[in-house]
C-alpha atoms as a PDB file:
ATOM      1  CA  UNK A   1     162.717  75.670 107.996  1.00  0.00           C
ATOM      2  CA  UNK A   2     163.786  72.816 105.720  1.00  0.00           C
ATOM      3  CA  UNK A   3     160.919  70.705 107.025  1.00  0.00           C
ATOM      4  CA  UNK A   4     158.405  73.379 106.017  1.00  0.00           C
ATOM      5  CA  UNK A   5     159.865  73.633 102.514  1.00  0.00           C
ATOM      6  CA  UNK A   6     159.715  69.852 102.046  1.00  0.00           C
ATOM      7  CA  UNK A   7     156.174  69.719 103.453  1.00  0.00           C
ATOM      8  CA  UNK A   8     155.036  72.454 101.058  1.00  0.00           C
ATOM      9  CA  UNK A   9     156.701  70.781  98.065  1.00  0.00           C
ATOM     10  CA  UNK A  10     155.492  67.246  98.830  1.00  0.00           C
ATOM     11  CA  UNK A  11     152.049  67.733 100.389  1.00  0.00           C
ATOM     12  CA  UNK A  12     150.554  71.196  99.944  1.00  0.00           C
ATOM     13  CA  UNK A  13     151.396  71.959  96.291  1.00  0.00           C
ATOM     14  CA  UNK A  14     150.208  68.563  94.933  1.00  0.00           C
ATOM     15  CA  UNK A  15     147.083  68.871  97.083  1.00  0.00           C
ATOM     16  CA  UNK A  16     146.288  72.267  95.608  1.00  0.00           C
ATOM     17  CA  UNK A  17     146.862  70.990  92.076  1.00  0.00           C
ATOM     18  CA  UNK A  18     144.586  68.023  92.755  1.00  0.00           C
ATOM     19  CA  UNK A  19     141.900  70.366  94.129  1.00  0.00           C
ATOM     20  CA  UNK A  20     142.082  72.403  90.913  1.00  0.00           C
ATOM     21  CA  UNK A  21     141.663  69.229  88.827  1.00  0.00           C
ATOM     22  CA  UNK A  22     138.621  68.129  90.837  1.00  0.00           C
ATOM     23  CA  UNK A  23     136.975  71.543  90.443  1.00  0.00           C
ATOM     24  CA  UNK A  24     137.708  71.466  86.684  1.00  0.00           C
ATOM     25  CA  UNK A  25     136.113  68.007  86.439  1.00  0.00           C
ATOM     26  CA  UNK A  26     132.945  69.326  88.114  1.00  0.00           C
ATOM     27  CA  UNK A  27     132.926  72.321  85.758  1.00  0.00           C
ATOM     28  CA  UNK A  28     133.273  70.029  82.734  1.00  0.00           C
ATOM     29  CA  UNK A  29     130.472  67.828  84.098  1.00  0.00           C
ATOM     30  CA  UNK A  30     128.132  70.834  84.204  1.00  0.00           C
ATOM     31  CA  UNK A  31     129.144  71.896  80.685  1.00  0.00           C
ATOM     32  CA  UNK A  32     128.700  68.348  79.397  1.00  0.00           C
ATOM     33  CA  UNK A  33     125.252  67.970  80.991  1.00  0.00           C
ATOM     34  CA  UNK A  34     124.156  71.274  79.467  1.00  0.00           C
ATOM     35  CA  UNK A  35     125.389  70.166  76.040  1.00  0.00           C
ATOM     36  CA  UNK A  36     123.664  66.768  76.323  1.00  0.00           C
ATOM     37  CA  UNK A  37     120.389  68.435  77.361  1.00  0.00           C
ATOM     38  CA  UNK A  38     120.599  70.868  74.441  1.00  0.00           C
ATOM     39  CA  UNK A  39     121.427  68.077  71.971  1.00  0.00           C
ATOM     40  CA  UNK A  40     118.440  65.988  73.071  1.00  0.00           C
ATOM     41  CA  UNK A  41     116.082  68.944  72.921  1.00  0.00           C
ATOM     42  CA  UNK A  42     117.299  69.744  69.405  1.00  0.00           C
ATOM     43  CA  UNK A  43     116.937  66.111  68.349  1.00  0.00           C
ATOM     44  CA  UNK A  44     113.308  65.780  69.420  1.00  0.00           C
ATOM     45  CA  UNK A  45     112.382  68.896  67.469  1.00  0.00           C
ATOM     46  CA  UNK A  46     112.929  66.945  64.242  1.00  0.00           C
ATOM     47  CA  UNK A  47     109.352  65.745  63.940  1.00  0.00           C
ATOM     48  CA  UNK A  48     108.120  64.440  60.622  1.00  0.00           C
ATOM     49  CA  UNK A  49     105.893  67.252  59.345  1.00  0.00           C
ATOM     50  CA  UNK A  50     104.163  65.205  56.601  1.00  0.00           C
ATOM     51  CA  UNK A  51     103.219  62.418  59.035  1.00  0.00           C
ATOM     52  CA  UNK A  52     101.902  64.923  61.553  1.00  0.00           C
ATOM     53  CA  UNK A  53      99.942  66.965  59.008  1.00  0.00           C
ATOM     54  CA  UNK A  54      98.356  63.983  57.267  1.00  0.00           C
ATOM     55  CA  UNK A  55      97.218  61.892  60.224  1.00  0.00           C
ATOM     56  CA  UNK A  56      98.526  63.524  63.399  1.00  0.00           C
ATOM     57  CA  UNK A  57     101.330  60.988  63.958  1.00  0.00           C
ATOM     58  CA  UNK A  58     104.141  62.284  66.159  1.00  0.00           C
ATOM     59  CA  UNK A  59     107.241  60.605  64.758  1.00  0.00           C
ATOM     60  CA  UNK A  60     110.852  61.751  64.708  1.00  0.00           C
ATOM     61  CA  UNK A  61     112.909  61.650  61.540  1.00  0.00           C
ATOM     62  CA  UNK A  62     115.965  59.765  62.899  1.00  0.00           C
ATOM     63  CA  UNK A  63     118.576  61.107  60.474  1.00  0.00           C
ATOM     64  CA  UNK A  64     117.473  64.702  60.855  1.00  0.00           C
ATOM     65  CA  UNK A  65     117.085  64.308  64.628  1.00  0.00           C
ATOM     66  CA  UNK A  66     120.636  63.045  65.035  1.00  0.00           C
ATOM     67  CA  UNK A  67     122.032  65.736  62.732  1.00  0.00           C
ATOM     68  CA  UNK A  68     120.291  68.484  64.700  1.00  0.00           C
ATOM     69  CA  UNK A  69     121.438  66.961  67.984  1.00  0.00           C
ATOM     70  CA  UNK A  70     125.078  66.675  66.906  1.00  0.00           C
ATOM     71  CA  UNK A  71     125.062  70.234  65.553  1.00  0.00           C
ATOM     72  CA  UNK A  72     123.653  71.581  68.822  1.00  0.00           C
ATOM     73  CA  UNK A  73     126.121  69.552  70.917  1.00  0.00           C
ATOM     74  CA  UNK A  74     129.074  70.787  68.861  1.00  0.00           C
ATOM     75  CA  UNK A  75     127.891  74.377  69.201  1.00  0.00           C
ATOM     76  CA  UNK A  76     127.480  74.059  72.953  1.00  0.00           C
ATOM     77  CA  UNK A  77     130.957  72.589  73.580  1.00  0.00           C
ATOM     78  CA  UNK A  78     132.873  74.683  71.059  1.00  0.00           C
ATOM     79  CA  UNK A  79     135.069  76.141  73.840  1.00  0.00           C
ATOM     80  CA  UNK A  80     136.270  72.680  74.909  1.00  0.00           C
ATOM     81  CA  UNK A  81     139.793  73.322  73.617  1.00  0.00           C
ATOM     82  CA  UNK A  82     140.128  76.403  75.802  1.00  0.00           C
ATOM     83  CA  UNK A  83     138.822  74.641  78.894  1.00  0.00           C
ATOM     84  CA  UNK A  84     140.908  71.511  78.232  1.00  0.00           C
ATOM     85  CA  UNK A  85     138.521  68.637  77.609  1.00  0.00           C
ATOM     86  CA  UNK A  86     137.533  66.506  74.633  1.00  0.00           C
ATOM     87  CA  UNK A  87     133.785  65.770  74.456  1.00  0.00           C
ATOM     88  CA  UNK A  88     131.862  63.119  72.478  1.00  0.00           C
ATOM     89  CA  UNK A  89     128.160  62.359  72.259  1.00  0.00           C
ATOM     90  CA  UNK A  90     126.066  59.435  71.062  1.00  0.00           C
ATOM     91  CA  UNK A  91     122.463  60.208  70.144  1.00  0.00           C
ATOM     92  CA  UNK A  92     119.931  57.371  70.024  1.00  0.00           C
ATOM     93  CA  UNK A  93     116.291  57.513  69.005  1.00  0.00           C
ATOM     94  CA  UNK A  94     114.648  55.276  71.627  1.00  0.00           C
ATOM     95  CA  UNK A  95     111.012  55.748  70.657  1.00  0.00           C
ATOM     96  CA  UNK A  96     108.843  57.476  68.111  1.00  0.00           C
ATOM     97  CA  UNK A  97     109.160  60.782  70.006  1.00  0.00           C
ATOM     98  CA  UNK A  98     112.062  60.155  72.380  1.00  0.00           C
ATOM     99  CA  UNK A  99     115.830  60.661  72.127  1.00  0.00           C
ATOM    100  CA  UNK A 100     118.679  59.718  74.448  1.00  0.00           C
ATOM    101  CA  UNK A 101     122.030  61.502  74.498  1.00  0.00           C
ATOM    102  CA  UNK A 102     125.077  59.952  76.187  1.00  0.00           C
ATOM    103  CA  UNK A 103     128.010  62.341  76.458  1.00  0.00           C
ATOM    104  CA  UNK A 104     131.559  61.584  77.593  1.00  0.00           C
ATOM    105  CA  UNK A 105     134.540  63.887  78.033  1.00  0.00           C
ATOM    106  CA  UNK A 106     138.200  63.348  78.837  1.00  0.00           C
ATOM    107  CA  UNK A 107     139.657  66.057  81.057  1.00  0.00           C
ATOM    108  CA  UNK A 108     143.386  66.750  81.053  1.00  0.00           C
ATOM    109  CA  UNK A 109     144.873  66.945  84.533  1.00  0.00           C
ATOM    110  CA  UNK A 110     147.614  69.204  85.876  1.00  0.00           C
ATOM    111  CA  UNK A 111     149.128  66.503  88.095  1.00  0.00           C
ATOM    112  CA  UNK A 112     152.057  64.913  86.239  1.00  0.00           C
ATOM    113  CA  UNK A 113     151.506  61.202  85.692  1.00  0.00           C
ATOM    114  CA  UNK A 114     147.878  61.315  86.821  1.00  0.00           C
ATOM    115  CA  UNK A 115     145.340  59.533  84.615  1.00  0.00           C
ATOM    116  CA  UNK A 116     142.976  61.506  82.420  1.00  0.00           C
ATOM    117  CA  UNK A 117     139.653  62.143  84.176  1.00  0.00           C
ATOM    118  CA  UNK A 118     136.539  60.840  82.388  1.00  0.00           C
ATOM    119  CA  UNK A 119     133.229  62.620  82.885  1.00  0.00           C
ATOM    120  CA  UNK A 120     129.808  61.257  81.831  1.00  0.00           C
ATOM    121  CA  UNK A 121     126.409  62.889  81.299  1.00  0.00           C
ATOM    122  CA  UNK A 122     123.108  61.523  80.016  1.00  0.00           C
ATOM    123  CA  UNK A 123     119.860  63.155  78.907  1.00  0.00           C
ATOM    124  CA  UNK A 124     116.519  61.909  77.608  1.00  0.00           C
ATOM    125  CA  UNK A 125     114.010  64.184  75.874  1.00  0.00           C
ATOM    126  CA  UNK A 126     110.490  63.563  74.685  1.00  0.00           C
ATOM    127  CA  UNK A 127     108.742  65.548  71.935  1.00  0.00           C
ATOM    128  CA  UNK A 128     105.348  67.006  72.684  1.00  0.00           C
ATOM    129  CA  UNK A 129     102.987  68.829  70.390  1.00  0.00           C
ATOM    130  CA  UNK A 130      99.450  70.152  70.393  1.00  0.00           C
ATOM    131  CA  UNK A 131      96.989  70.187  67.556  1.00  0.00           C
ATOM    132  CA  UNK A 132      94.750  73.204  67.311  1.00  0.00           C
END
C-alpha cells in the first residue's frame, strides 16, 4: 500500500501535471497562430488609397499597416491573462503588398521549478485588389 502511494505521488501526479502543461502549450500555439494570421490580414488591408486611385499602385502604408496589425493582435489575444500566457508580436512590411507577423508567447507551467514554455507562430499575408 505504501508503494502505491509513493508511486502515485512521485510518478503519476507529476505526469498528469506535465500532460496538462503540454496540452495548454498546444492550445496557446493555436491561439497564437490565429492571432498572427489576423494581425497580418489586418496589416495588408492598409493600402495607400491615393497611390491606388491615381495610378493603380498597390502599396501598403507601413505605419498604418503596423498599427492595424497590432490592434488586431491585441484584440485576438485579450484573454491571455485568463489562459495564462503572455503574447508578443513583431510586424514587418517585407514588400510593397506583403506583411510578416512573428508572434511569441510565454506559457506558465503548473510543474514547480519547470521552465516557462515558449511558443512561436509566424504568418505572411499578401494584399490583393482588383480594379473595375
